[in-house]
Amino acid sequence: MTPTGQALLVGSADPEDRLFGTVVAEMLNDVFTKQGGQWQIFLLSAPDAPETLRMETPITHPEPWAWTQKQRYVRSERLRSNPKTTEGLA
């Protein structure tokens, strides 16, 4: 995002846009970003928001190591299928 795009967000009437713009401003000033690093920002809904995905039961991971190694993303459709274990997410 450019500084111009960030300024538009900060000046927005939408409070979420303004917050997003503030986060982007901090990232644009970060040394990592200035050295060519890239960031991703995810805007999540509040825990009690109606659009927040809630699982009926916990999803267990049968292996002795973390399932999230090397960062993983799962489509909400897979989560909505109510898998019992992380094997159902692959």
PDB file of N, CA and C in Angstrom:
ATOM      1  N   MET A   1       0.847  -1.169   0.000  1.00  0.00           N
ATOM      2  CA  MET A   1       0.000   0.000   0.000  1.00  0.00           C
ATOM      3  C   MET A   1       0.893   1.232   0.000  1.00  0.00           C
ATOM      4  N   THR A   2       0.437   2.237  -0.666  1.00  0.00           N
ATOM      5  CA  THR A   2       1.189   3.488  -0.740  1.00  0.00           C
ATOM      6  C   THR A   2       0.813   4.408   0.409  1.00  0.00           C
ATOM      7  N   PRO A   3       1.653   5.387   0.703  1.00  0.00           N
ATOM      8  CA  PRO A   3       1.285   6.372   1.716  1.00  0.00           C
ATOM      9  C   PRO A   3      -0.012   7.114   1.365  1.00  0.00           C
ATOM     10  N   THR A   4      -0.280   7.310   0.074  1.00  0.00           N
ATOM     11  CA  THR A   4      -1.523   7.973  -0.342  1.00  0.00           C
ATOM     12  C   THR A   4      -2.733   7.120   0.016  1.00  0.00           C
ATOM     13  N   GLY A   5      -2.652   5.829  -0.260  1.00  0.00           N
ATOM     14  CA  GLY A   5      -3.740   4.921   0.095  1.00  0.00           C
ATOM     15  C   GLY A   5      -3.953   4.860   1.590  1.00  0.00           C
ATOM     16  N   GLN A   6      -2.863   4.867   2.324  1.00  0.00           N
ATOM     17  CA  GLN A   6      -2.944   4.848   3.777  1.00  0.00           C
ATOM     18  C   GLN A   6      -3.616   6.107   4.293  1.00  0.00           C
ATOM     19  N   ALA A   7      -3.274   7.258   3.712  1.00  0.00           N
ATOM     20  CA  ALA A   7      -3.871   8.530   4.136  1.00  0.00           C
ATOM     21  C   ALA A   7      -5.368   8.548   3.860  1.00  0.00           C
ATOM     22  N   LEU A   8      -5.789   7.949   2.760  1.00  0.00           N
ATOM     23  CA  LEU A   8      -7.222   7.862   2.454  1.00  0.00           C
ATOM     24  C   LEU A   8      -7.949   7.037   3.507  1.00  0.00           C
ATOM     25  N   LEU A   9      -7.331   5.959   3.946  1.00  0.00           N
ATOM     26  CA  LEU A   9      -7.947   5.131   4.984  1.00  0.00           C
ATOM     27  C   LEU A   9      -8.073   5.899   6.295  1.00  0.00           C
ATOM     28  N   VAL A  10      -7.014   6.586   6.685  1.00  0.00           N
ATOM     29  CA  VAL A  10      -7.043   7.336   7.941  1.00  0.00           C
ATOM     30  C   VAL A  10      -8.109   8.420   7.910  1.00  0.00           C
ATOM     31  N   GLY A  11      -8.365   8.993   6.735  1.00  0.00           N
ATOM     32  CA  GLY A  11      -9.369  10.048   6.603  1.00  0.00           C
ATOM     33  C   GLY A  11     -10.775   9.548   6.362  1.00  0.00           C
ATOM     34  N   SER A  12     -10.966   8.252   6.343  1.00  0.00           N
ATOM     35  CA  SER A  12     -12.272   7.662   6.063  1.00  0.00           C
ATOM     36  C   SER A  12     -13.274   7.915   7.192  1.00  0.00           C
ATOM     37  N   ALA A  13     -14.536   7.889   6.837  1.00  0.00           N
ATOM     38  CA  ALA A  13     -15.604   7.998   7.837  1.00  0.00           C
ATOM     39  C   ALA A  13     -15.807   6.666   8.563  1.00  0.00           C
ATOM     40  N   ASP A  14     -15.348   5.585   7.973  1.00  0.00           N
ATOM     41  CA  ASP A  14     -15.515   4.248   8.554  1.00  0.00           C
ATOM     42  C   ASP A  14     -14.456   4.020   9.640  1.00  0.00           C
ATOM     43  N   PRO A  15     -14.862   3.722  10.880  1.00  0.00           N
ATOM     44  CA  PRO A  15     -13.881   3.517  11.953  1.00  0.00           C
ATOM     45  C   PRO A  15     -12.921   2.357  11.697  1.00  0.00           C
ATOM     46  N   GLU A  16     -13.382   1.299  11.016  1.00  0.00           N
ATOM     47  CA  GLU A  16     -12.496   0.178  10.716  1.00  0.00           C
ATOM     48  C   GLU A  16     -11.435   0.590   9.699  1.00  0.00           C
ATOM     49  N   ASP A  17     -11.817   1.408   8.707  1.00  0.00           N
ATOM     50  CA  ASP A  17     -10.845   1.909   7.740  1.00  0.00           C
ATOM     51  C   ASP A  17      -9.790   2.757   8.427  1.00  0.00           C
ATOM     52  N   ARG A  18     -10.226   3.610   9.362  1.00  0.00           N
ATOM     53  CA  ARG A  18      -9.278   4.465  10.075  1.00  0.00           C
ATOM     54  C   ARG A  18      -8.293   3.630  10.889  1.00  0.00           C
ATOM     55  N   LEU A  19      -8.794   2.610  11.570  1.00  0.00           N
ATOM     56  CA  LEU A  19      -7.917   1.733  12.343  1.00  0.00           C
ATOM     57  C   LEU A  19      -6.926   1.027  11.421  1.00  0.00           C
ATOM     58  N   PHE A  20      -7.425   0.521  10.320  1.00  0.00           N
ATOM     59  CA  PHE A  20      -6.578  -0.144   9.333  1.00  0.00           C
ATOM     60  C   PHE A  20      -5.504   0.820   8.833  1.00  0.00           C
ATOM     61  N   GLY A  21      -5.895   2.056   8.543  1.00  0.00           N
ATOM     62  CA  GLY A  21      -4.944   3.071   8.087  1.00  0.00           C
ATOM     63  C   GLY A  21      -3.870   3.354   9.115  1.00  0.00           C
ATOM     64  N   THR A  22      -4.234   3.350  10.397  1.00  0.00           N
ATOM     65  CA  THR A  22      -3.271   3.575  11.469  1.00  0.00           C
ATOM     66  C   THR A  22      -2.256   2.433  11.531  1.00  0.00           C
ATOM     67  N   VAL A  23      -2.737   1.208  11.398  1.00  0.00           N
ATOM     68  CA  VAL A  23      -1.843   0.047  11.398  1.00  0.00           C
ATOM     69  C   VAL A  23      -0.901   0.115  10.199  1.00  0.00           C
ATOM     70  N   VAL A  24      -1.436   0.450   9.032  1.00  0.00           N
ATOM     71  CA  VAL A  24      -0.610   0.551   7.822  1.00  0.00           C
ATOM     72  C   VAL A  24       0.446   1.643   7.997  1.00  0.00           C
ATOM     73  N   ALA A  25       0.087   2.777   8.608  1.00  0.00           N
ATOM     74  CA  ALA A  25       1.048   3.861   8.830  1.00  0.00           C
ATOM     75  C   ALA A  25       2.230   3.363   9.660  1.00  0.00           C
ATOM     76  N   GLU A  26       1.954   2.587  10.696  1.00  0.00           N
ATOM     77  CA  GLU A  26       3.034   2.047  11.525  1.00  0.00           C
ATOM     78  C   GLU A  26       3.899   1.082  10.722  1.00  0.00           C
ATOM     79  N   MET A  27       3.267   0.293   9.886  1.00  0.00           N
ATOM     80  CA  MET A  27       4.018  -0.659   9.074  1.00  0.00           C
ATOM     81  C   MET A  27       4.873   0.054   8.031  1.00  0.00           C
ATOM     82  N   LEU A  28       4.371   1.138   7.441  1.00  0.00           N
ATOM     83  CA  LEU A  28       5.143   1.880   6.450  1.00  0.00           C
ATOM     84  C   LEU A  28       6.381   2.525   7.066  1.00  0.00           C
ATOM     85  N   ASN A  29       6.345   2.767   8.370  1.00  0.00           N
ATOM     86  CA  ASN A  29       7.493   3.343   9.063  1.00  0.00           C
ATOM     87  C   ASN A  29       8.444   2.283   9.610  1.00  0.00           C
ATOM     88  N   ASP A  30       8.081   1.029   9.486  1.00  0.00           N
ATOM     89  CA  ASP A  30       8.883  -0.063  10.020  1.00  0.00           C
ATOM     90  C   ASP A  30      10.116  -0.311   9.143  1.00  0.00           C
ATOM     91  N   VAL A  31      11.242  -0.589   9.788  1.00  0.00           N
ATOM     92  CA  VAL A  31      12.497  -0.835   9.070  1.00  0.00           C
ATOM     93  C   VAL A  31      12.356  -2.024   8.129  1.00  0.00           C
ATOM     94  N   PHE A  32      11.697  -3.084   8.578  1.00  0.00           N
ATOM     95  CA  PHE A  32      11.516  -4.280   7.755  1.00  0.00           C
ATOM     96  C   PHE A  32      10.802  -3.942   6.452  1.00  0.00           C
ATOM     97  N   THR A  33       9.762  -3.144   6.540  1.00  0.00           N
ATOM     98  CA  THR A  33       9.004  -2.750   5.355  1.00  0.00           C
ATOM     99  C   THR A  33       9.866  -1.898   4.436  1.00  0.00           C
ATOM    100  N   LYS A  34      10.618  -0.966   4.999  1.00  0.00           N
ATOM    101  CA  LYS A  34      11.464  -0.089   4.190  1.00  0.00           C
ATOM    102  C   LYS A  34      12.564  -0.855   3.479  1.00  0.00           C
ATOM    103  N   GLN A  35      12.938  -2.010   4.013  1.00  0.00           N
ATOM    104  CA  GLN A  35      13.971  -2.831   3.382  1.00  0.00           C
ATOM    105  C   GLN A  35      13.376  -3.799   2.363  1.00  0.00           C
ATOM    106  N   GLY A  36      12.110  -3.634   2.032  1.00  0.00           N
ATOM    107  CA  GLY A  36      11.483  -4.478   1.022  1.00  0.00           C
ATOM    108  C   GLY A  36      10.676  -5.629   1.578  1.00  0.00           C
ATOM    109  N   GLY A  37      10.539  -5.692   2.889  1.00  0.00           N
ATOM    110  CA  GLY A  37       9.738  -6.761   3.493  1.00  0.00           C
ATOM    111  C   GLY A  37       8.266  -6.587   3.156  1.00  0.00           C
ATOM    112  N   GLN A  38       7.545  -7.664   3.210  1.00  0.00           N
ATOM    113  CA  GLN A  38       6.114  -7.621   2.923  1.00  0.00           C
ATOM    114  C   GLN A  38       5.332  -8.065   4.147  1.00  0.00           C
ATOM    115  N   TRP A  39       4.154  -7.496   4.299  1.00  0.00           N
ATOM    116  CA  TRP A  39       3.271  -7.797   5.412  1.00  0.00           C
ATOM    117  C   TRP A  39       1.910  -8.187   4.879  1.00  0.00           C
ATOM    118  N   GLN A  40       1.189  -8.925   5.680  1.00  0.00           N
ATOM    119  CA  GLN A  40      -0.222  -9.194   5.422  1.00  0.00           C
ATOM    120  C   GLN A  40      -0.986  -8.756   6.654  1.00  0.00           C
ATOM    121  N   ILE A  41      -2.133  -8.133   6.416  1.00  0.00           N
ATOM    122  CA  ILE A  41      -2.993  -7.711   7.515  1.00  0.00           C
ATOM    123  C   ILE A  41      -4.323  -8.425   7.352  1.00  0.00           C
ATOM    124  N   PHE A  42      -4.804  -9.019   8.439  1.00  0.00           N
ATOM    125  CA  PHE A  42      -6.085  -9.700   8.428  1.00  0.00           C
ATOM    126  C   PHE A  42      -7.004  -8.998   9.414  1.00  0.00           C
ATOM    127  N   LEU A  43      -8.115  -8.534   8.934  1.00  0.00           N
ATOM    128  CA  LEU A  43      -9.102  -7.899   9.796  1.00  0.00           C
ATOM    129  C   LEU A  43     -10.086  -8.980  10.230  1.00  0.00           C
ATOM    130  N   LEU A  44     -10.074  -9.286  11.507  1.00  0.00           N
ATOM    131  CA  LEU A  44     -10.924 -10.336  12.042  1.00  0.00           C
ATOM    132  C   LEU A  44     -12.158  -9.745  12.701  1.00  0.00           C
ATOM    133  N   SER A  45     -13.218 -10.502  12.695  1.00  0.00           N
ATOM    134  CA  SER A  45     -14.431 -10.064  13.379  1.00  0.00           C
ATOM    135  C   SER A  45     -14.270 -10.301  14.883  1.00  0.00           C
ATOM    136  N   ALA A  46     -15.058  -9.594  15.653  1.00  0.00           N
ATOM    137  CA  ALA A  46     -15.020  -9.747  17.113  1.00  0.00           C
ATOM    138  C   ALA A  46     -15.528 -11.133  17.502  1.00  0.00           C
ATOM    139  N   PRO A  47     -15.076 -11.667  18.635  1.00  0.00           N
ATOM    140  CA  PRO A  47     -15.521 -13.004  19.045  1.00  0.00           C
ATOM    141  C   PRO A  47     -17.032 -13.147  19.145  1.00  0.00           C
ATOM    142  N   ASP A  48     -17.727 -12.081  19.513  1.00  0.00           N
ATOM    143  CA  ASP A  48     -19.179 -12.169  19.661  1.00  0.00           C
ATOM    144  C   ASP A  48     -19.946 -11.656  18.449  1.00  0.00           C
ATOM    145  N   ALA A  49     -19.250 -11.345  17.366  1.00  0.00           N
ATOM    146  CA  ALA A  49     -19.919 -10.846  16.153  1.00  0.00           C
ATOM    147  C   ALA A  49     -20.658 -11.986  15.453  1.00  0.00           C
ATOM    148  N   PRO A  50     -21.797 -11.695  14.846  1.00  0.00           N
ATOM    149  CA  PRO A  50     -22.563 -12.755  14.183  1.00  0.00           C
ATOM    150  C   PRO A  50     -21.814 -13.413  13.025  1.00  0.00           C
ATOM    151  N   GLU A  51     -20.890 -12.686  12.387  1.00  0.00           N
ATOM    152  CA  GLU A  51     -20.164 -13.251  11.248  1.00  0.00           C
ATOM    153  C   GLU A  51     -18.963 -14.108  11.661  1.00  0.00           C
ATOM    154  N   THR A  52     -18.664 -14.165  12.953  1.00  0.00           N
ATOM    155  CA  THR A  52     -17.553 -14.978  13.438  1.00  0.00           C
ATOM    156  C   THR A  52     -17.913 -16.456  13.336  1.00  0.00           C
ATOM    157  N   LEU A  53     -17.012 -17.214  12.737  1.00  0.00           N
ATOM    158  CA  LEU A  53     -17.221 -18.654  12.585  1.00  0.00           C
ATOM    159  C   LEU A  53     -16.977 -19.334  13.930  1.00  0.00           C
ATOM    160  N   ARG A  54     -17.952 -20.109  14.372  1.00  0.00           N
ATOM    161  CA  ARG A  54     -17.834 -20.847  15.633  1.00  0.00           C
ATOM    162  C   ARG A  54     -17.911 -22.339  15.348  1.00  0.00           C
ATOM    163  N   MET A  55     -17.025 -23.073  15.971  1.00  0.00           N
ATOM    164  CA  MET A  55     -16.983 -24.514  15.764  1.00  0.00           C
ATOM    165  C   MET A  55     -17.901 -25.206  16.777  1.00  0.00           C
ATOM    166  N   GLU A  56     -18.557 -26.272  16.339  1.00  0.00           N
ATOM    167  CA  GLU A  56     -19.427 -27.035  17.235  1.00  0.00           C
ATOM    168  C   GLU A  56     -18.609 -27.823  18.256  1.00  0.00           C
ATOM    169  N   THR A  57     -17.469 -28.340  17.805  1.00  0.00           N
ATOM    170  CA  THR A  57     -16.579 -29.107  18.684  1.00  0.00           C
ATOM    171  C   THR A  57     -15.132 -28.720  18.372  1.00  0.00           C
ATOM    172  N   PRO A  58     -14.218 -28.961  19.300  1.00  0.00           N
ATOM    173  CA  PRO A  58     -12.799 -28.678  19.022  1.00  0.00           C
ATOM    174  C   PRO A  58     -12.274 -29.581  17.909  1.00  0.00           C
ATOM    175  N   ILE A  59     -11.276 -29.097  17.194  1.00  0.00           N
ATOM    176  CA  ILE A  59     -10.589 -29.898  16.178  1.00  0.00           C
ATOM    177  C   ILE A  59      -9.271 -30.342  16.803  1.00  0.00           C
ATOM    178  N   THR A  60      -9.098 -31.637  16.968  1.00  0.00           N
ATOM    179  CA  THR A  60      -7.886 -32.156  17.599  1.00  0.00           C
ATOM    180  C   THR A  60      -6.800 -32.394  16.555  1.00  0.00           C
ATOM    181  N   HIS A  61      -5.571 -32.419  17.034  1.00  0.00           N
ATOM    182  CA  HIS A  61      -4.413 -32.704  16.177  1.00  0.00           C
ATOM    183  C   HIS A  61      -3.690 -33.904  16.766  1.00  0.00           C
ATOM    184  N   PRO A  62      -3.748 -35.066  16.110  1.00  0.00           N
ATOM    185  CA  PRO A  62      -3.206 -36.299  16.696  1.00  0.00           C
ATOM    186  C   PRO A  62      -1.685 -36.409  16.679  1.00  0.00           C
ATOM    187  N   GLU A  63      -0.991 -35.544  15.973  1.00  0.00           N
ATOM    188  CA  GLU A  63       0.466 -35.645  15.857  1.00  0.00           C
ATOM    189  C   GLU A  63       1.152 -34.943  17.025  1.00  0.00           C
ATOM    190  N   PRO A  64       2.422 -35.294  17.285  1.00  0.00           N
ATOM    191  CA  PRO A  64       3.137 -34.671  18.411  1.00  0.00           C
ATOM    192  C   PRO A  64       3.707 -33.276  18.089  1.00  0.00           C
ATOM    193  N   TRP A  65       3.587 -32.823  16.846  1.00  0.00           N
ATOM    194  CA  TRP A  65       4.106 -31.507  16.468  1.00  0.00           C
ATOM    195  C   TRP A  65       2.943 -30.572  16.117  1.00  0.00           C
ATOM    196  N   ALA A  66       3.223 -29.299  16.077  1.00  0.00           N
ATOM    197  CA  ALA A  66       2.180 -28.307  15.817  1.00  0.00           C
ATOM    198  C   ALA A  66       1.670 -28.408  14.389  1.00  0.00           C
ATOM    199  N   TRP A  67       0.370 -28.358  14.213  1.00  0.00           N
ATOM    200  CA  TRP A  67      -0.229 -28.405  12.881  1.00  0.00           C
ATOM    201  C   TRP A  67       0.061 -27.127  12.108  1.00  0.00           C
ATOM    202  N   THR A  68       0.257 -26.030  12.801  1.00  0.00           N
ATOM    203  CA  THR A  68       0.428 -24.730  12.149  1.00  0.00           C
ATOM    204  C   THR A  68       1.866 -24.440  11.727  1.00  0.00           C
ATOM    205  N   GLN A  69       2.748 -25.410  11.791  1.00  0.00           N
ATOM    206  CA  GLN A  69       4.114 -25.172  11.333  1.00  0.00           C
ATOM    207  C   GLN A  69       4.092 -24.683   9.894  1.00  0.00           C
ATOM    208  N   LYS A  70       4.930 -23.737   9.597  1.00  0.00           N
ATOM    209  CA  LYS A  70       5.044 -23.119   8.268  1.00  0.00           C
ATOM    210  C   LYS A  70       3.770 -22.384   7.870  1.00  0.00           C
ATOM    211  N   GLN A  71       2.985 -21.986   8.797  1.00  0.00           N
ATOM    212  CA  GLN A  71       1.789 -21.161   8.615  1.00  0.00           C
ATOM    213  C   GLN A  71       0.798 -21.813   7.639  1.00  0.00           C
ATOM    214  N   ARG A  72      -0.383 -22.059   8.124  1.00  0.00           N
ATOM    215  CA  ARG A  72      -1.408 -22.701   7.304  1.00  0.00           C
ATOM    216  C   ARG A  72      -2.687 -21.889   7.309  1.00  0.00           C
ATOM    217  N   TYR A  73      -3.378 -21.950   6.207  1.00  0.00           N
ATOM    218  CA  TYR A  73      -4.678 -21.322   6.078  1.00  0.00           C
ATOM    219  C   TYR A  73      -5.676 -22.383   5.639  1.00  0.00           C
ATOM    220  N   VAL A  74      -6.874 -22.276   6.126  1.00  0.00           N
ATOM    221  CA  VAL A  74      -7.916 -23.243   5.789  1.00  0.00           C
ATOM    222  C   VAL A  74      -9.160 -22.467   5.375  1.00  0.00           C
ATOM    223  N   ARG A  75      -9.766 -22.892   4.302  1.00  0.00           N
ATOM    224  CA  ARG A  75     -11.009 -22.253   3.853  1.00  0.00           C
ATOM    225  C   ARG A  75     -12.116 -22.510   4.875  1.00  0.00           C
ATOM    226  N   SER A  76     -12.962 -21.523   5.045  1.00  0.00           N
ATOM    227  CA  SER A  76     -14.043 -21.650   6.028  1.00  0.00           C
ATOM    228  C   SER A  76     -14.972 -22.819   5.695  1.00  0.00           C
ATOM    229  N   GLU A  77     -15.098 -23.155   4.416  1.00  0.00           N
ATOM    230  CA  GLU A  77     -15.954 -24.289   4.028  1.00  0.00           C
ATOM    231  C   GLU A  77     -15.454 -25.578   4.672  1.00  0.00           C
ATOM    232  N   ARG A  78     -14.130 -25.738   4.729  1.00  0.00           N
ATOM    233  CA  ARG A  78     -13.560 -26.938   5.360  1.00  0.00           C
ATOM    234  C   ARG A  78     -13.867 -26.941   6.854  1.00  0.00           C
ATOM    235  N   LEU A  79     -13.765 -25.774   7.477  1.00  0.00           N
ATOM    236  CA  LEU A  79     -14.069 -25.696   8.908  1.00  0.00           C
ATOM    237  C   LEU A  79     -15.545 -25.959   9.170  1.00  0.00           C
ATOM    238  N   ARG A  80     -16.404 -25.488   8.287  1.00  0.00           N
ATOM    239  CA  ARG A  80     -17.846 -25.680   8.462  1.00  0.00           C
ATOM    240  C   ARG A  80     -18.262 -27.139   8.299  1.00  0.00           C
ATOM    241  N   SER A  81     -17.385 -27.960   7.723  1.00  0.00           N
ATOM    242  CA  SER A  81     -17.701 -29.382   7.584  1.00  0.00           C
ATOM    243  C   SER A  81     -17.520 -30.134   8.896  1.00  0.00           C
ATOM    244  N   ASN A  82     -17.129 -29.423   9.962  1.00  0.00           N
ATOM    245  CA  ASN A  82     -16.967 -29.960  11.311  1.00  0.00           C
ATOM    246  C   ASN A  82     -16.027 -31.170  11.378  1.00  0.00           C
ATOM    247  N   PRO A  83     -14.784 -31.010  10.900  1.00  0.00           N
ATOM    248  CA  PRO A  83     -13.843 -32.133  10.999  1.00  0.00           C
ATOM    249  C   PRO A  83     -13.502 -32.405  12.461  1.00  0.00           C
ATOM    250  N   LYS A  84     -13.272 -33.651  12.776  1.00  0.00           N
ATOM    251  CA  LYS A  84     -12.927 -34.039  14.139  1.00  0.00           C
ATOM    252  C   LYS A  84     -11.439 -33.785  14.428  1.00  0.00           C
ATOM    253  N   THR A  85     -10.590 -33.958  13.375  1.00  0.00           N
ATOM    254  CA  THR A  85      -9.145 -33.780  13.541  1.00  0.00           C
ATOM    255  C   THR A  85      -8.606 -32.893  12.419  1.00  0.00           C
ATOM    256  N   THR A  86      -7.358 -32.475  12.570  1.00  0.00           N
ATOM    257  CA  THR A  86      -6.712 -31.658  11.539  1.00  0.00           C
ATOM    258  C   THR A  86      -6.507 -32.437  10.241  1.00  0.00           C
ATOM    259  N   GLU A  87      -6.534 -33.755  10.311  1.00  0.00           N
ATOM    260  CA  GLU A  87      -6.423 -34.558   9.089  1.00  0.00           C
ATOM    261  C   GLU A  87      -7.578 -34.249   8.137  1.00  0.00           C
ATOM    262  N   GLY A  88      -8.713 -33.861   8.676  1.00  0.00           N
ATOM    263  CA  GLY A  88      -9.865 -33.505   7.843  1.00  0.00           C
ATOM    264  C   GLY A  88      -9.760 -32.130   7.214  1.00  0.00           C
ATOM    265  N   LEU A  89      -8.716 -31.394   7.577  1.00  0.00           N
ATOM    266  CA  LEU A  89      -8.533 -30.051   7.013  1.00  0.00           C
ATOM    267  C   LEU A  89      -7.584 -30.053   5.824  1.00  0.00           C
ATOM    268  N   ALA A  90      -6.795 -31.103   5.673  1.00  0.00           N
ATOM    269  CA  ALA A  90      -5.784 -31.157   4.616  1.00  0.00           C
ATOM    270  C   ALA A  90      -6.390 -31.306   3.239  1.00  0.00           C
TER     271      ALA A  90
END
